[in-house]
């Protein structure tokens, strides 16, 4: 299986029907995203040209793809 398909499969599995919770992060303008009670990523608030946007940063460990 290609690495892209491994990542696709992992995301499809972890994102399917899991309870979503957003908690205050340690840094200003950052929140923590939890799926099914497990940490999944960090959401950053960003203002670009006066427009408010959000950026989701997710790290996927190689061990999780096996």
N, C-alpha and C. Protein backbone atom coordinates (compact mmCIF):
# COMPACT_ATOMS: atom_id res chain seq x y z
N UNK A 1 0.86 -1.18 0.00
CA UNK A 1 0.00 0.00 0.00
C UNK A 1 0.90 1.24 0.00
N UNK A 2 0.58 2.23 -0.82
CA UNK A 2 1.38 3.46 -0.88
C UNK A 2 1.22 4.26 0.41
N UNK A 3 2.18 5.13 0.66
CA UNK A 3 2.12 5.97 1.86
C UNK A 3 0.89 6.87 1.83
N UNK A 4 0.54 7.37 0.66
CA UNK A 4 -0.65 8.22 0.55
C UNK A 4 -1.90 7.44 0.94
N UNK A 5 -2.01 6.21 0.51
CA UNK A 5 -3.18 5.39 0.84
C UNK A 5 -3.19 5.04 2.33
N UNK A 6 -2.02 4.85 2.93
CA UNK A 6 -1.95 4.59 4.37
C UNK A 6 -2.47 5.78 5.15
N UNK A 7 -2.06 6.98 4.75
CA UNK A 7 -2.51 8.20 5.42
C UNK A 7 -4.02 8.38 5.20
N UNK A 8 -4.47 8.15 3.98
CA UNK A 8 -5.91 8.26 3.69
C UNK A 8 -6.72 7.30 4.54
N UNK A 9 -6.28 6.08 4.65
CA UNK A 9 -6.97 5.07 5.45
C UNK A 9 -6.98 5.45 6.93
N UNK A 10 -5.84 5.92 7.43
CA UNK A 10 -5.74 6.35 8.83
C UNK A 10 -6.72 7.48 9.11
N UNK A 11 -6.74 8.49 8.26
CA UNK A 11 -7.63 9.64 8.48
C UNK A 11 -9.09 9.24 8.38
N UNK A 12 -9.43 8.38 7.41
CA UNK A 12 -10.82 7.93 7.28
C UNK A 12 -11.25 7.19 8.53
N UNK A 13 -10.36 6.39 9.09
CA UNK A 13 -10.68 5.62 10.29
C UNK A 13 -10.82 6.53 11.51
N UNK A 14 -9.87 7.42 11.71
CA UNK A 14 -9.88 8.24 12.93
C UNK A 14 -10.96 9.33 12.89
N UNK A 15 -11.32 9.79 11.70
CA UNK A 15 -12.31 10.86 11.59
C UNK A 15 -13.74 10.36 11.56
N UNK A 16 -13.93 9.07 11.42
CA UNK A 16 -15.29 8.55 11.29
C UNK A 16 -15.99 8.43 12.64
N UNK A 17 -17.02 9.21 12.79
CA UNK A 17 -17.93 9.11 13.93
C UNK A 17 -17.26 9.16 15.30
N UNK A 18 -16.24 9.99 15.43
CA UNK A 18 -15.59 10.18 16.73
C UNK A 18 -16.08 11.50 17.32
N UNK A 19 -16.33 11.51 18.63
CA UNK A 19 -16.71 12.78 19.26
C UNK A 19 -15.59 13.81 19.12
N UNK A 20 -15.95 15.03 18.76
CA UNK A 20 -15.00 16.11 18.56
C UNK A 20 -15.08 17.06 19.75
N UNK A 21 -13.91 17.45 20.26
CA UNK A 21 -13.84 18.41 21.36
C UNK A 21 -12.69 19.36 21.09
N UNK A 22 -12.94 20.66 21.23
CA UNK A 22 -11.89 21.67 21.09
C UNK A 22 -11.68 22.29 22.45
N UNK A 23 -10.42 22.28 22.90
CA UNK A 23 -10.06 22.81 24.21
C UNK A 23 -9.09 23.98 24.05
N UNK A 24 -9.05 24.84 25.05
CA UNK A 24 -8.08 25.93 25.04
C UNK A 24 -6.67 25.36 25.01
N UNK A 25 -5.82 25.95 24.19
CA UNK A 25 -4.43 25.50 24.09
C UNK A 25 -3.55 26.27 25.06
N UNK A 26 -2.30 25.87 25.09
CA UNK A 26 -1.34 26.52 25.99
C UNK A 26 -0.89 27.87 25.44
N UNK A 27 -0.86 28.00 24.11
CA UNK A 27 -0.42 29.25 23.48
C UNK A 27 -1.63 30.12 23.14
N UNK A 28 -1.42 31.42 23.16
CA UNK A 28 -2.47 32.35 22.79
C UNK A 28 -2.83 32.15 21.32
N UNK A 29 -4.11 32.10 21.00
CA UNK A 29 -4.55 31.93 19.63
C UNK A 29 -4.46 30.50 19.13
N UNK A 30 -4.28 29.55 20.06
CA UNK A 30 -4.20 28.14 19.66
C UNK A 30 -5.16 27.31 20.51
N UNK A 31 -5.79 26.35 19.86
CA UNK A 31 -6.70 25.43 20.55
C UNK A 31 -6.25 24.00 20.27
N UNK A 32 -6.62 23.08 21.13
CA UNK A 32 -6.28 21.68 20.95
C UNK A 32 -7.53 20.93 20.48
N UNK A 33 -7.36 20.10 19.46
CA UNK A 33 -8.46 19.31 18.90
C UNK A 33 -8.32 17.87 19.38
N UNK A 34 -9.40 17.34 19.96
CA UNK A 34 -9.44 15.95 20.43
C UNK A 34 -10.52 15.21 19.67
N UNK A 35 -10.21 14.00 19.25
CA UNK A 35 -11.17 13.12 18.60
C UNK A 35 -11.28 11.86 19.43
N UNK A 36 -12.48 11.57 19.88
CA UNK A 36 -12.68 10.38 20.71
C UNK A 36 -11.85 10.42 21.98
N UNK A 37 -11.61 11.62 22.52
CA UNK A 37 -10.87 11.78 23.76
C UNK A 37 -9.35 11.78 23.59
N UNK A 38 -8.87 11.58 22.36
CA UNK A 38 -7.43 11.56 22.12
C UNK A 38 -7.00 12.81 21.36
N UNK A 39 -5.85 13.36 21.76
CA UNK A 39 -5.33 14.54 21.08
C UNK A 39 -5.11 14.24 19.61
N UNK A 40 -5.57 15.15 18.73
CA UNK A 40 -5.45 14.93 17.29
C UNK A 40 -4.64 16.02 16.60
N UNK A 41 -4.75 17.25 17.07
CA UNK A 41 -4.04 18.34 16.41
C UNK A 41 -4.24 19.66 17.11
N UNK A 42 -3.63 20.69 16.54
CA UNK A 42 -3.72 22.03 17.09
C UNK A 42 -4.34 22.95 16.05
N UNK A 43 -5.26 23.78 16.50
CA UNK A 43 -5.91 24.76 15.63
C UNK A 43 -5.35 26.13 15.99
N UNK A 44 -4.83 26.82 14.98
CA UNK A 44 -4.27 28.15 15.18
C UNK A 44 -5.17 29.19 14.55
N UNK A 45 -5.34 30.29 15.25
CA UNK A 45 -6.10 31.41 14.73
C UNK A 45 -5.14 32.31 13.97
N UNK A 46 -5.54 32.77 12.78
CA UNK A 46 -4.67 33.58 11.95
C UNK A 46 -5.49 34.69 11.31
N UNK A 47 -4.96 35.88 11.34
CA UNK A 47 -5.61 37.00 10.67
C UNK A 47 -4.73 37.42 9.51
N UNK A 48 -5.27 37.32 8.31
CA UNK A 48 -4.53 37.67 7.10
C UNK A 48 -5.31 38.73 6.35
N UNK A 49 -4.71 39.90 6.16
CA UNK A 49 -5.38 41.02 5.49
C UNK A 49 -6.72 41.35 6.13
N UNK A 50 -6.77 41.28 7.46
CA UNK A 50 -7.98 41.60 8.19
C UNK A 50 -9.03 40.51 8.19
N UNK A 51 -8.74 39.38 7.57
CA UNK A 51 -9.69 38.26 7.50
C UNK A 51 -9.26 37.17 8.47
N UNK A 52 -10.19 36.72 9.29
CA UNK A 52 -9.91 35.68 10.28
C UNK A 52 -9.98 34.30 9.66
N UNK A 53 -8.91 33.50 9.87
CA UNK A 53 -8.82 32.14 9.35
C UNK A 53 -8.33 31.21 10.45
N UNK A 54 -8.49 29.92 10.23
CA UNK A 54 -8.01 28.92 11.18
C UNK A 54 -7.18 27.89 10.43
N UNK A 55 -6.09 27.47 11.04
CA UNK A 55 -5.19 26.49 10.45
C UNK A 55 -5.12 25.29 11.37
N UNK A 56 -5.37 24.10 10.83
CA UNK A 56 -5.31 22.87 11.61
C UNK A 56 -3.99 22.17 11.33
N UNK A 57 -3.20 21.92 12.37
CA UNK A 57 -1.92 21.25 12.26
C UNK A 57 -2.06 19.87 12.87
N UNK A 58 -1.85 18.82 12.04
CA UNK A 58 -1.98 17.45 12.50
C UNK A 58 -0.67 16.71 12.21
N UNK A 59 -0.14 16.03 13.21
CA UNK A 59 1.04 15.19 13.02
C UNK A 59 0.59 13.74 13.06
N UNK A 60 1.03 12.98 12.08
CA UNK A 60 0.70 11.55 12.02
C UNK A 60 1.98 10.76 12.18
N UNK A 61 2.02 9.94 13.20
CA UNK A 61 3.20 9.11 13.45
C UNK A 61 3.19 7.91 12.52
N UNK A 62 4.36 7.53 12.04
CA UNK A 62 4.48 6.38 11.17
C UNK A 62 3.92 5.11 11.81
N UNK A 63 4.10 4.98 13.12
CA UNK A 63 3.62 3.79 13.83
C UNK A 63 2.09 3.68 13.76
N UNK A 64 1.40 4.83 13.65
CA UNK A 64 -0.06 4.82 13.57
C UNK A 64 -0.56 4.34 12.20
N UNK A 65 0.31 4.30 11.21
CA UNK A 65 -0.09 3.91 9.86
C UNK A 65 0.03 2.41 9.63
N UNK A 66 0.56 1.68 10.59
CA UNK A 66 0.76 0.24 10.42
C UNK A 66 -0.44 -0.57 10.85
